Amino acid sequence: MSFCLEHPVRGMTMLCRRLSMTLFLSLIATLVTAAPPMDPGIEALQEKVGFTVIERFATPAEGVTGYVVKTGDGKTGIVYGLGDYILSGSLLEGNGNDLTRQYAARYIPKPTYASVAEQLSQDTHLVSEGGKGAPEVYVFADPNCIFCHKFWQQTRSWVAEGKVRLHWVMVGFLKPSSLGLSAAIMSAEDRAGALQAFEENFGNSGNGSGISELTPIPADLHESLEQHSQWMAELGFSGTPGLLFKETSGQWRGQTGVPKHEALGRMLGIAE
């Protein structure tokens, strides 16, 4: 009779490997089991709208799960799932503490203002006006936006005096005519003149545009308009006008809406 004894060190090594693999598989199984299912309402809306769930997180509200979602046009936001229901907006505690604001700061990346500004500086489809070498402002604008029209009116004296350099970044989403009007302005030989013709007739009866929609939209302009929308989403602008500019401190800043004339002048270092 003969005995074959396995080398003790080799046997111990193989045993440790087996144990390590067993523990690893057990850990994976535990993590998979622990992952909560997605709320049915979120799943249904995801199939309908087509957004991507980037992150899921727990909230102190019973049964409410938070979701960081990204839409097809690049916009990122937070919604909440409660079974078959979807909640949006601010999630407030009894003391008024805005949890949504905290979650946004934690889970949503901050806009890369300087990076987008660098890309915009290379864009060949902007509508530029004002003094060269003056403080620059990139203005995301929809032709049918009344607030964009107000900002255009507000900045006429600055442009005429060369105190500011405005670069209008045209987008189109408010009305069916928006894309065609933006394309018409972008394709004009005198883009600033086309924008002026449109704005001076803004809201008039009849056509009221001073220019006509460009249809069909050439492929290069369509691609540029899509890129403008992506940049707008990346900057976190929820509407128009969206302003991107460099403050006197040298830091790039983004802002949605029409700022007070005096306040913007101070941030840009424009003396009245």
C-alpha atoms as a PDB file:
ATOM      1  CA  MET A   1       0.000   0.000   0.000  1.00  0.00           C
ATOM      2  CA  SER A   2       1.312   3.405  -0.857  1.00  0.00           C
ATOM      3  CA  PHE A   3       0.303   6.900   0.241  1.00  0.00           C
ATOM      4  CA  CYS A   4       0.575  10.075  -1.799  1.00  0.00           C
ATOM      5  CA  LEU A   5       0.602  13.181   0.393  1.00  0.00           C
ATOM      6  CA  GLU A   6       0.084  16.581  -1.250  1.00  0.00           C
ATOM      7  CA  HIS A   7       2.740  19.129  -0.481  1.00  0.00           C
ATOM      8  CA  PRO A   8       1.367  21.086   2.537  1.00  0.00           C
ATOM      9  CA  VAL A   9       2.310  24.564   1.263  1.00  0.00           C
ATOM     10  CA  ARG A  10       0.888  23.910  -2.197  1.00  0.00           C
ATOM     11  CA  GLY A  11      -2.269  22.461  -0.699  1.00  0.00           C
ATOM     12  CA  MET A  12      -2.711  25.464   1.570  1.00  0.00           C
ATOM     13  CA  THR A  13      -2.227  27.835  -1.403  1.00  0.00           C
ATOM     14  CA  MET A  14      -4.880  26.055  -3.443  1.00  0.00           C
ATOM     15  CA  LEU A  15      -7.220  26.037  -0.463  1.00  0.00           C
ATOM     16  CA  CYS A  16      -6.766  29.804   0.004  1.00  0.00           C
ATOM     17  CA  ARG A  17      -7.456  30.362  -3.674  1.00  0.00           C
ATOM     18  CA  ARG A  18     -10.632  28.343  -3.474  1.00  0.00           C
ATOM     19  CA  LEU A  19     -11.719  30.239  -0.377  1.00  0.00           C
ATOM     20  CA  SER A  20     -10.896  33.588  -1.997  1.00  0.00           C
ATOM     21  CA  MET A  21     -12.908  32.732  -5.104  1.00  0.00           C
ATOM     22  CA  THR A  22     -15.806  31.518  -2.947  1.00  0.00           C
ATOM     23  CA  LEU A  23     -15.788  34.710  -0.897  1.00  0.00           C
ATOM     24  CA  PHE A  24     -15.579  36.840  -4.063  1.00  0.00           C
ATOM     25  CA  LEU A  25     -18.548  35.106  -5.687  1.00  0.00           C
ATOM     26  CA  SER A  26     -20.481  35.337  -2.437  1.00  0.00           C
ATOM     27  CA  LEU A  27     -19.798  39.085  -2.223  1.00  0.00           C
ATOM     28  CA  ILE A  28     -20.936  39.643  -5.831  1.00  0.00           C
ATOM     29  CA  ALA A  29     -24.116  37.678  -5.185  1.00  0.00           C
ATOM     30  CA  THR A  30     -24.796  39.742  -2.078  1.00  0.00           C
ATOM     31  CA  LEU A  31     -24.312  43.035  -3.935  1.00  0.00           C
ATOM     32  CA  VAL A  32     -26.568  41.963  -6.796  1.00  0.00           C
ATOM     33  CA  THR A  33     -29.239  40.818  -4.367  1.00  0.00           C
ATOM     34  CA  ALA A  34     -28.945  44.033  -2.348  1.00  0.00           C
ATOM     35  CA  ALA A  35     -29.480  46.309  -5.379  1.00  0.00           C
ATOM     36  CA  PRO A  36     -33.075  47.606  -5.106  1.00  0.00           C
ATOM     37  CA  PRO A  37     -35.289  47.265  -8.178  1.00  0.00           C
ATOM     38  CA  MET A  38     -36.047  50.384 -10.164  1.00  0.00           C
ATOM     39  CA  ASP A  39     -39.413  51.956  -9.456  1.00  0.00           C
ATOM     40  CA  PRO A  40     -42.032  50.903 -12.056  1.00  0.00           C
ATOM     41  CA  GLY A  41     -42.920  54.522 -12.796  1.00  0.00           C
ATOM     42  CA  ILE A  42     -39.285  55.360 -13.583  1.00  0.00           C
ATOM     43  CA  GLU A  43     -38.974  52.284 -15.809  1.00  0.00           C
ATOM     44  CA  ALA A  44     -42.136  53.206 -17.719  1.00  0.00           C
ATOM     45  CA  LEU A  45     -41.050  56.815 -18.233  1.00  0.00           C
ATOM     46  CA  GLN A  46     -37.567  55.697 -19.273  1.00  0.00           C
ATOM     47  CA  GLU A  47     -39.040  53.510 -22.011  1.00  0.00           C
ATOM     48  CA  LYS A  48     -41.292  56.341 -23.184  1.00  0.00           C
ATOM     49  CA  VAL A  49     -38.830  59.244 -23.054  1.00  0.00           C
ATOM     50  CA  GLY A  50     -35.534  57.427 -23.453  1.00  0.00           C
ATOM     51  CA  PHE A  51     -33.437  58.978 -20.679  1.00  0.00           C
ATOM     52  CA  THR A  52     -30.510  57.228 -18.985  1.00  0.00           C
ATOM     53  CA  VAL A  53     -30.387  56.605 -15.232  1.00  0.00           C
ATOM     54  CA  ILE A  54     -26.889  57.575 -14.132  1.00  0.00           C
ATOM     55  CA  GLU A  55     -27.251  57.118 -10.384  1.00  0.00           C
ATOM     56  CA  ARG A  56     -29.744  55.900  -7.789  1.00  0.00           C
ATOM     57  CA  PHE A  57     -29.709  57.003  -4.170  1.00  0.00           C
ATOM     58  CA  ALA A  58     -31.793  56.638  -1.032  1.00  0.00           C
ATOM     59  CA  THR A  59     -33.688  59.536   0.543  1.00  0.00           C
ATOM     60  CA  PRO A  60     -35.036  59.989   4.082  1.00  0.00           C
ATOM     61  CA  ALA A  61     -38.581  60.059   2.689  1.00  0.00           C
ATOM     62  CA  GLU A  62     -40.182  56.665   3.170  1.00  0.00           C
ATOM     63  CA  GLY A  63     -40.396  54.712  -0.098  1.00  0.00           C
ATOM     64  CA  VAL A  64     -38.877  57.532  -2.168  1.00  0.00           C
ATOM     65  CA  THR A  65     -35.750  56.809  -4.235  1.00  0.00           C
ATOM     66  CA  GLY A  66     -33.747  59.486  -5.994  1.00  0.00           C
ATOM     67  CA  TYR A  67     -32.570  59.134  -9.594  1.00  0.00           C
ATOM     68  CA  VAL A  68     -29.991  61.148 -11.500  1.00  0.00           C
ATOM     69  CA  VAL A  69     -31.117  61.024 -15.143  1.00  0.00           C
ATOM     70  CA  LYS A  70     -29.654  62.265 -18.410  1.00  0.00           C
ATOM     71  CA  THR A  71     -31.845  63.012 -21.420  1.00  0.00           C
ATOM     72  CA  GLY A  72     -30.956  62.455 -25.047  1.00  0.00           C
ATOM     73  CA  ASP A  73     -29.945  66.102 -25.528  1.00  0.00           C
ATOM     74  CA  GLY A  74     -27.455  65.885 -22.661  1.00  0.00           C
ATOM     75  CA  LYS A  75     -29.455  67.550 -19.909  1.00  0.00           C
ATOM     76  CA  THR A  76     -28.950  66.076 -16.429  1.00  0.00           C
ATOM     77  CA  GLY A  77     -31.411  66.341 -13.569  1.00  0.00           C
ATOM     78  CA  ILE A  78     -32.903  64.653 -10.520  1.00  0.00           C
ATOM     79  CA  VAL A  79     -36.283  62.973 -10.244  1.00  0.00           C
ATOM     80  CA  TYR A  80     -37.794  60.758  -7.559  1.00  0.00           C
ATOM     81  CA  GLY A  81     -39.552  57.428  -7.783  1.00  0.00           C
ATOM     82  CA  LEU A  82     -42.364  56.273  -5.496  1.00  0.00           C
ATOM     83  CA  GLY A  83     -43.635  53.018  -6.911  1.00  0.00           C
ATOM     84  CA  ASP A  84     -45.738  53.848  -9.953  1.00  0.00           C
ATOM     85  CA  TYR A  85     -45.349  57.583  -9.359  1.00  0.00           C
ATOM     86  CA  ILE A  86     -42.640  60.038 -10.380  1.00  0.00           C
ATOM     87  CA  LEU A  87     -41.899  63.210  -8.463  1.00  0.00           C
ATOM     88  CA  SER A  88     -39.894  66.181  -9.739  1.00  0.00           C
ATOM     89  CA  GLY A  89     -38.853  69.464  -8.187  1.00  0.00           C
ATOM     90  CA  SER A  90     -37.560  70.195  -4.712  1.00  0.00           C
ATOM     91  CA  LEU A  91     -37.668  67.553  -1.996  1.00  0.00           C
ATOM     92  CA  LEU A  92     -37.973  69.552   1.227  1.00  0.00           C
ATOM     93  CA  GLU A  93     -37.603  68.539   4.841  1.00  0.00           C
ATOM     94  CA  GLY A  94     -39.968  69.871   7.494  1.00  0.00           C
ATOM     95  CA  ASN A  95     -37.515  72.628   8.407  1.00  0.00           C
ATOM     96  CA  GLY A  96     -37.377  73.840   4.792  1.00  0.00           C
ATOM     97  CA  ASN A  97     -34.039  72.208   3.994  1.00  0.00           C
ATOM     98  CA  ASP A  98     -33.868  71.609   0.232  1.00  0.00           C
ATOM     99  CA  LEU A  99     -32.556  68.078  -0.214  1.00  0.00           C
ATOM    100  CA  THR A 100     -32.699  68.295  -4.000  1.00  0.00           C
ATOM    101  CA  ARG A 101     -30.181  71.135  -3.966  1.00  0.00           C
ATOM    102  CA  GLN A 102     -27.839  68.992  -1.859  1.00  0.00           C
ATOM    103  CA  TYR A 103     -28.281  65.976  -4.118  1.00  0.00           C
ATOM    104  CA  ALA A 104     -27.613  68.082  -7.210  1.00  0.00           C
ATOM    105  CA  ALA A 105     -24.370  69.378  -5.707  1.00  0.00           C
ATOM    106  CA  ARG A 106     -23.333  65.821  -4.829  1.00  0.00           C
ATOM    107  CA  TYR A 107     -24.361  63.886  -7.921  1.00  0.00           C
ATOM    108  CA  ILE A 108     -24.508  66.291 -10.874  1.00  0.00           C
ATOM    109  CA  PRO A 109     -21.131  67.399 -12.272  1.00  0.00           C
ATOM    110  CA  LYS A 110     -20.557  71.131 -12.295  1.00  0.00           C
ATOM    111  CA  PRO A 111     -20.595  72.751 -15.752  1.00  0.00           C
ATOM    112  CA  THR A 112     -17.195  73.073 -17.385  1.00  0.00           C
ATOM    113  CA  TYR A 113     -17.568  76.729 -18.335  1.00  0.00           C
ATOM    114  CA  ALA A 114     -13.982  77.303 -19.472  1.00  0.00           C
ATOM    115  CA  SER A 115     -13.947  74.165 -21.616  1.00  0.00           C
ATOM    116  CA  VAL A 116     -17.182  75.080 -23.411  1.00  0.00           C
ATOM    117  CA  ALA A 117     -15.980  78.676 -23.856  1.00  0.00           C
ATOM    118  CA  GLU A 118     -12.843  77.385 -25.576  1.00  0.00           C
ATOM    119  CA  GLN A 119     -14.952  75.281 -27.953  1.00  0.00           C
ATOM    120  CA  LEU A 120     -17.292  78.194 -28.638  1.00  0.00           C
ATOM    121  CA  SER A 121     -14.333  80.380 -29.573  1.00  0.00           C
ATOM    122  CA  GLN A 122     -13.714  77.993 -32.489  1.00  0.00           C
ATOM    123  CA  ASP A 123     -17.351  77.958 -33.675  1.00  0.00           C
ATOM    124  CA  THR A 124     -17.725  79.395 -37.168  1.00  0.00           C
ATOM    125  CA  HIS A 125     -21.513  79.778 -36.987  1.00  0.00           C
ATOM    126  CA  LEU A 126     -21.850  82.377 -34.234  1.00  0.00           C
ATOM    127  CA  VAL A 127     -23.561  85.726 -34.754  1.00  0.00           C
ATOM    128  CA  SER A 128     -21.024  88.246 -33.456  1.00  0.00           C
ATOM    129  CA  GLU A 129     -21.434  91.979 -32.899  1.00  0.00           C
ATOM    130  CA  GLY A 130     -19.854  94.751 -30.847  1.00  0.00           C
ATOM    131  CA  GLY A 131     -16.324  95.871 -30.165  1.00  0.00           C
ATOM    132  CA  LYS A 132     -13.456  93.516 -30.916  1.00  0.00           C
ATOM    133  CA  GLY A 133     -11.258  93.151 -27.843  1.00  0.00           C
ATOM    134  CA  ALA A 134     -14.145  94.125 -25.539  1.00  0.00           C
ATOM    135  CA  PRO A 135     -15.473  91.760 -22.828  1.00  0.00           C
ATOM    136  CA  GLU A 136     -17.108  88.784 -24.535  1.00  0.00           C
ATOM    137  CA  VAL A 137     -20.505  87.259 -23.779  1.00  0.00           C
ATOM    138  CA  TYR A 138     -21.790  84.097 -25.426  1.00  0.00           C
ATOM    139  CA  VAL A 139     -25.588  84.301 -25.597  1.00  0.00           C
ATOM    140  CA  PHE A 140     -27.604  81.130 -26.209  1.00  0.00           C
ATOM    141  CA  ALA A 141     -30.780  82.367 -27.852  1.00  0.00           C
ATOM    142  CA  ASP A 142     -33.948  81.095 -29.535  1.00  0.00           C
ATOM    143  CA  PRO A 143     -35.416  83.510 -32.143  1.00  0.00           C
ATOM    144  CA  ASN A 144     -38.875  83.149 -30.590  1.00  0.00           C
ATOM    145  CA  CYS A 145     -37.689  83.875 -27.037  1.00  0.00           C
ATOM    146  CA  ILE A 146     -39.148  87.127 -25.665  1.00  0.00           C
ATOM    147  CA  PHE A 147     -36.445  87.295 -22.988  1.00  0.00           C
ATOM    148  CA  CYS A 148     -33.712  86.978 -25.613  1.00  0.00           C
ATOM    149  CA  HIS A 149     -35.387  89.877 -27.393  1.00  0.00           C
ATOM    150  CA  LYS A 150     -35.303  91.923 -24.173  1.00  0.00           C
ATOM    151  CA  PHE A 151     -31.606  91.168 -23.714  1.00  0.00           C
ATOM    152  CA  TRP A 152     -30.945  92.213 -27.318  1.00  0.00           C
ATOM    153  CA  GLN A 153     -32.705  95.531 -26.644  1.00  0.00           C
ATOM    154  CA  GLN A 154     -30.891  95.976 -23.333  1.00  0.00           C
ATOM    155  CA  THR A 155     -27.438  95.666 -24.912  1.00  0.00           C
ATOM    156  CA  ARG A 156     -27.870  97.988 -27.927  1.00  0.00           C
ATOM    157  CA  SER A 157     -25.977 100.915 -26.413  1.00  0.00           C
ATOM    158  CA  TRP A 158     -23.083  98.688 -25.308  1.00  0.00           C
ATOM    159  CA  VAL A 159     -22.801  97.169 -28.776  1.00  0.00           C
ATOM    160  CA  ALA A 160     -22.994 100.538 -30.534  1.00  0.00           C
ATOM    161  CA  GLU A 161     -20.290 101.982 -28.271  1.00  0.00           C
ATOM    162  CA  GLY A 162     -18.074  98.907 -28.593  1.00  0.00           C
ATOM    163  CA  LYS A 163     -18.166  98.200 -24.855  1.00  0.00           C
ATOM    164  CA  VAL A 164     -19.017  94.533 -25.269  1.00  0.00           C
ATOM    165  CA  ARG A 165     -18.579  91.743 -27.803  1.00  0.00           C
ATOM    166  CA  LEU A 166     -21.700  89.564 -28.041  1.00  0.00           C
ATOM    167  CA  HIS A 167     -21.609  86.152 -29.687  1.00  0.00           C
ATOM    168  CA  TRP A 168     -25.147  84.879 -30.260  1.00  0.00           C
ATOM    169  CA  VAL A 169     -25.259  81.079 -30.114  1.00  0.00           C
ATOM    170  CA  MET A 170     -28.458  80.252 -31.951  1.00  0.00           C
ATOM    171  CA  VAL A 171     -30.668  77.336 -30.887  1.00  0.00           C
ATOM    172  CA  GLY A 172     -34.210  76.368 -31.804  1.00  0.00           C
ATOM    173  CA  PHE A 173     -36.732  74.629 -29.589  1.00  0.00           C
ATOM    174  CA  LEU A 174     -39.508  77.016 -28.519  1.00  0.00           C
ATOM    175  CA  LYS A 175     -41.633  76.914 -31.690  1.00  0.00           C
ATOM    176  CA  PRO A 176     -41.673  74.934 -34.946  1.00  0.00           C
ATOM    177  CA  SER A 177     -40.237  77.984 -36.715  1.00  0.00           C
ATOM    178  CA  SER A 178     -37.296  78.376 -34.306  1.00  0.00           C
ATOM    179  CA  LEU A 179     -34.809  76.097 -36.070  1.00  0.00           C
ATOM    180  CA  GLY A 180     -35.523  77.534 -39.512  1.00  0.00           C
ATOM    181  CA  LEU A 181     -35.210  81.118 -38.272  1.00  0.00           C
ATOM    182  CA  SER A 182     -31.950  80.346 -36.451  1.00  0.00           C
ATOM    183  CA  ALA A 183     -30.582  78.693 -39.588  1.00  0.00           C
ATOM    184  CA  ALA A 184     -31.599  81.714 -41.689  1.00  0.00           C
ATOM    185  CA  ILE A 185     -29.746  84.084 -39.373  1.00  0.00           C
ATOM    186  CA  MET A 186     -26.674  81.823 -39.244  1.00  0.00           C
ATOM    187  CA  SER A 187     -26.543  81.483 -43.045  1.00  0.00           C
ATOM    188  CA  ALA A 188     -26.880  85.202 -43.798  1.00  0.00           C
ATOM    189  CA  GLU A 189     -23.946  87.051 -45.331  1.00  0.00           C
ATOM    190  CA  ASP A 190     -24.406  89.707 -42.636  1.00  0.00           C
ATOM    191  CA  ARG A 191     -25.447  87.651 -39.610  1.00  0.00           C
ATOM    192  CA  ALA A 192     -25.621  90.544 -37.172  1.00  0.00           C
ATOM    193  CA  GLY A 193     -27.707  92.455 -39.704  1.00  0.00           C
ATOM    194  CA  ALA A 194     -30.070  89.490 -40.108  1.00  0.00           C
ATOM    195  CA  LEU A 195     -30.444  89.245 -36.342  1.00  0.00           C
ATOM    196  CA  GLN A 196     -31.168  92.969 -36.163  1.00  0.00           C
ATOM    197  CA  ALA A 197     -33.784  92.707 -38.925  1.00  0.00           C
ATOM    198  CA  PHE A 198     -35.494  89.928 -37.025  1.00  0.00           C
ATOM    199  CA  GLU A 199     -35.368  91.621 -33.614  1.00  0.00           C
ATOM    200  CA  GLU A 200     -36.611  94.968 -34.926  1.00  0.00           C
ATOM    201  CA  ASN A 201     -39.731  93.179 -36.220  1.00  0.00           C
ATOM    202  CA  PHE A 202     -40.133  90.885 -33.210  1.00  0.00           C
ATOM    203  CA  GLY A 203     -43.792  90.363 -32.298  1.00  0.00           C
ATOM    204  CA  ASN A 204     -45.256  92.360 -35.174  1.00  0.00           C
ATOM    205  CA  SER A 205     -48.439  91.134 -36.841  1.00  0.00           C
ATOM    206  CA  GLY A 206     -48.159  88.905 -39.900  1.00  0.00           C
ATOM    207  CA  ASN A 207     -44.801  87.252 -40.362  1.00  0.00           C
ATOM    208  CA  GLY A 208     -43.230  89.642 -37.900  1.00  0.00           C
ATOM    209  CA  SER A 209     -39.734  88.279 -38.387  1.00  0.00           C
ATOM    210  CA  GLY A 210     -37.990  90.510 -40.922  1.00  0.00           C
ATOM    211  CA  ILE A 211     -36.517  87.289 -42.302  1.00  0.00           C
ATOM    212  CA  SER A 212     -37.959  83.994 -43.486  1.00  0.00           C
ATOM    213  CA  GLU A 213     -37.281  80.474 -42.221  1.00  0.00           C
ATOM    214  CA  LEU A 214     -34.562  78.565 -44.035  1.00  0.00           C
ATOM    215  CA  THR A 215     -35.932  75.253 -45.295  1.00  0.00           C
ATOM    216  CA  PRO A 216     -34.550  72.749 -45.750  1.00  0.00           C
ATOM    217  CA  ILE A 217     -31.760  73.392 -43.283  1.00  0.00           C
ATOM    218  CA  PRO A 218     -28.328  72.524 -44.737  1.00  0.00           C
ATOM    219  CA  ALA A 219     -26.553  69.624 -43.046  1.00  0.00           C
ATOM    220  CA  ASP A 220     -23.708  71.757 -41.680  1.00  0.00           C
ATOM    221  CA  LEU A 221     -26.108  74.228 -40.051  1.00  0.00           C
ATOM    222  CA  HIS A 222     -28.252  71.415 -38.656  1.00  0.00           C
ATOM    223  CA  GLU A 223     -25.143  69.851 -37.123  1.00  0.00           C
ATOM    224  CA  SER A 224     -24.113  73.205 -35.671  1.00  0.00           C
ATOM    225  CA  LEU A 225     -27.565  73.773 -34.141  1.00  0.00           C
ATOM    226  CA  GLU A 226     -27.415  70.332 -32.522  1.00  0.00           C
ATOM    227  CA  GLN A 227     -23.974  71.140 -31.125  1.00  0.00           C
ATOM    228  CA  HIS A 228     -25.284  74.415 -29.701  1.00  0.00           C
ATOM    229  CA  SER A 229     -28.056  72.511 -27.919  1.00  0.00           C
ATOM    230  CA  GLN A 230     -25.535  70.063 -26.483  1.00  0.00           C
ATOM    231  CA  TRP A 231     -23.364  72.895 -25.182  1.00  0.00           C
ATOM    232  CA  MET A 232     -26.429  74.544 -23.697  1.00  0.00           C
ATOM    233  CA  ALA A 233     -27.258  71.326 -21.827  1.00  0.00           C
ATOM    234  CA  GLU A 234     -23.652  70.859 -20.722  1.00  0.00           C
ATOM    235  CA  LEU A 235     -23.642  74.361 -19.256  1.00  0.00           C
ATOM    236  CA  GLY A 236     -26.809  73.587 -17.314  1.00  0.00           C
ATOM    237  CA  PHE A 237     -28.905  76.310 -18.962  1.00  0.00           C
ATOM    238  CA  SER A 238     -32.573  75.476 -18.417  1.00  0.00           C
ATOM    239  CA  GLY A 239     -33.817  78.066 -20.889  1.00  0.00           C
ATOM    240  CA  THR A 240     -32.889  81.083 -22.972  1.00  0.00           C
ATOM    241  CA  PRO A 241     -31.149  83.391 -22.882  1.00  0.00           C
ATOM    242  CA  GLY A 242     -28.210  81.539 -21.390  1.00  0.00           C
ATOM    243  CA  LEU A 243     -25.164  83.739 -20.840  1.00  0.00           C
ATOM    244  CA  LEU A 244     -21.553  82.588 -20.624  1.00  0.00           C
ATOM    245  CA  PHE A 245     -18.993  85.273 -19.818  1.00  0.00           C
ATOM    246  CA  LYS A 246     -15.758  85.940 -17.976  1.00  0.00           C
ATOM    247  CA  GLU A 247     -15.979  88.086 -14.858  1.00  0.00           C
ATOM    248  CA  THR A 248     -13.395  90.705 -13.977  1.00  0.00           C
ATOM    249  CA  SER A 249     -11.851  88.081 -11.667  1.00  0.00           C
ATOM    250  CA  GLY A 250     -10.976  86.023 -14.723  1.00  0.00           C
ATOM    251  CA  GLN A 251     -13.433  83.237 -13.886  1.00  0.00           C
ATOM    252  CA  TRP A 252     -16.011  82.059 -16.417  1.00  0.00           C
ATOM    253  CA  ARG A 253     -19.595  82.297 -15.253  1.00  0.00           C
ATOM    254  CA  GLY A 254     -22.905  80.962 -16.563  1.00  0.00           C
ATOM    255  CA  GLN A 255     -26.330  82.461 -16.012  1.00  0.00           C
ATOM    256  CA  THR A 256     -29.828  81.749 -17.307  1.00  0.00           C
ATOM    257  CA  GLY A 257     -32.227  84.632 -17.899  1.00  0.00           C
ATOM    258  CA  VAL A 258     -31.887  88.380 -18.376  1.00  0.00           C
ATOM    259  CA  PRO A 259     -29.603  89.906 -15.744  1.00  0.00           C
ATOM    260  CA  LYS A 260     -29.964  93.455 -14.493  1.00  0.00           C
ATOM    261  CA  HIS A 261     -28.092  95.780 -16.806  1.00  0.00           C
ATOM    262  CA  GLU A 262     -26.032  97.409 -14.058  1.00  0.00           C
ATOM    263  CA  ALA A 263     -25.158  94.091 -12.407  1.00  0.00           C
ATOM    264  CA  LEU A 264     -23.922  92.566 -15.660  1.00  0.00           C
ATOM    265  CA  GLY A 265     -21.903  95.690 -16.361  1.00  0.00           C
ATOM    266  CA  ARG A 266     -20.142  95.368 -13.004  1.00  0.00           C
ATOM    267  CA  MET A 267     -19.366  91.672 -13.572  1.00  0.00           C
ATOM    268  CA  LEU A 268     -17.931  92.455 -17.016  1.00  0.00           C
ATOM    269  CA  GLY A 269     -16.076  95.552 -15.854  1.00  0.00           C
ATOM    270  CA  ILE A 270     -18.059  97.843 -18.163  1.00  0.00           C
ATOM    271  CA  ALA A 271     -18.180 101.416 -16.947  1.00  0.00           C
ATOM    272  CA  GLU A 272     -21.343 103.386 -17.659  1.00  0.00           C
END
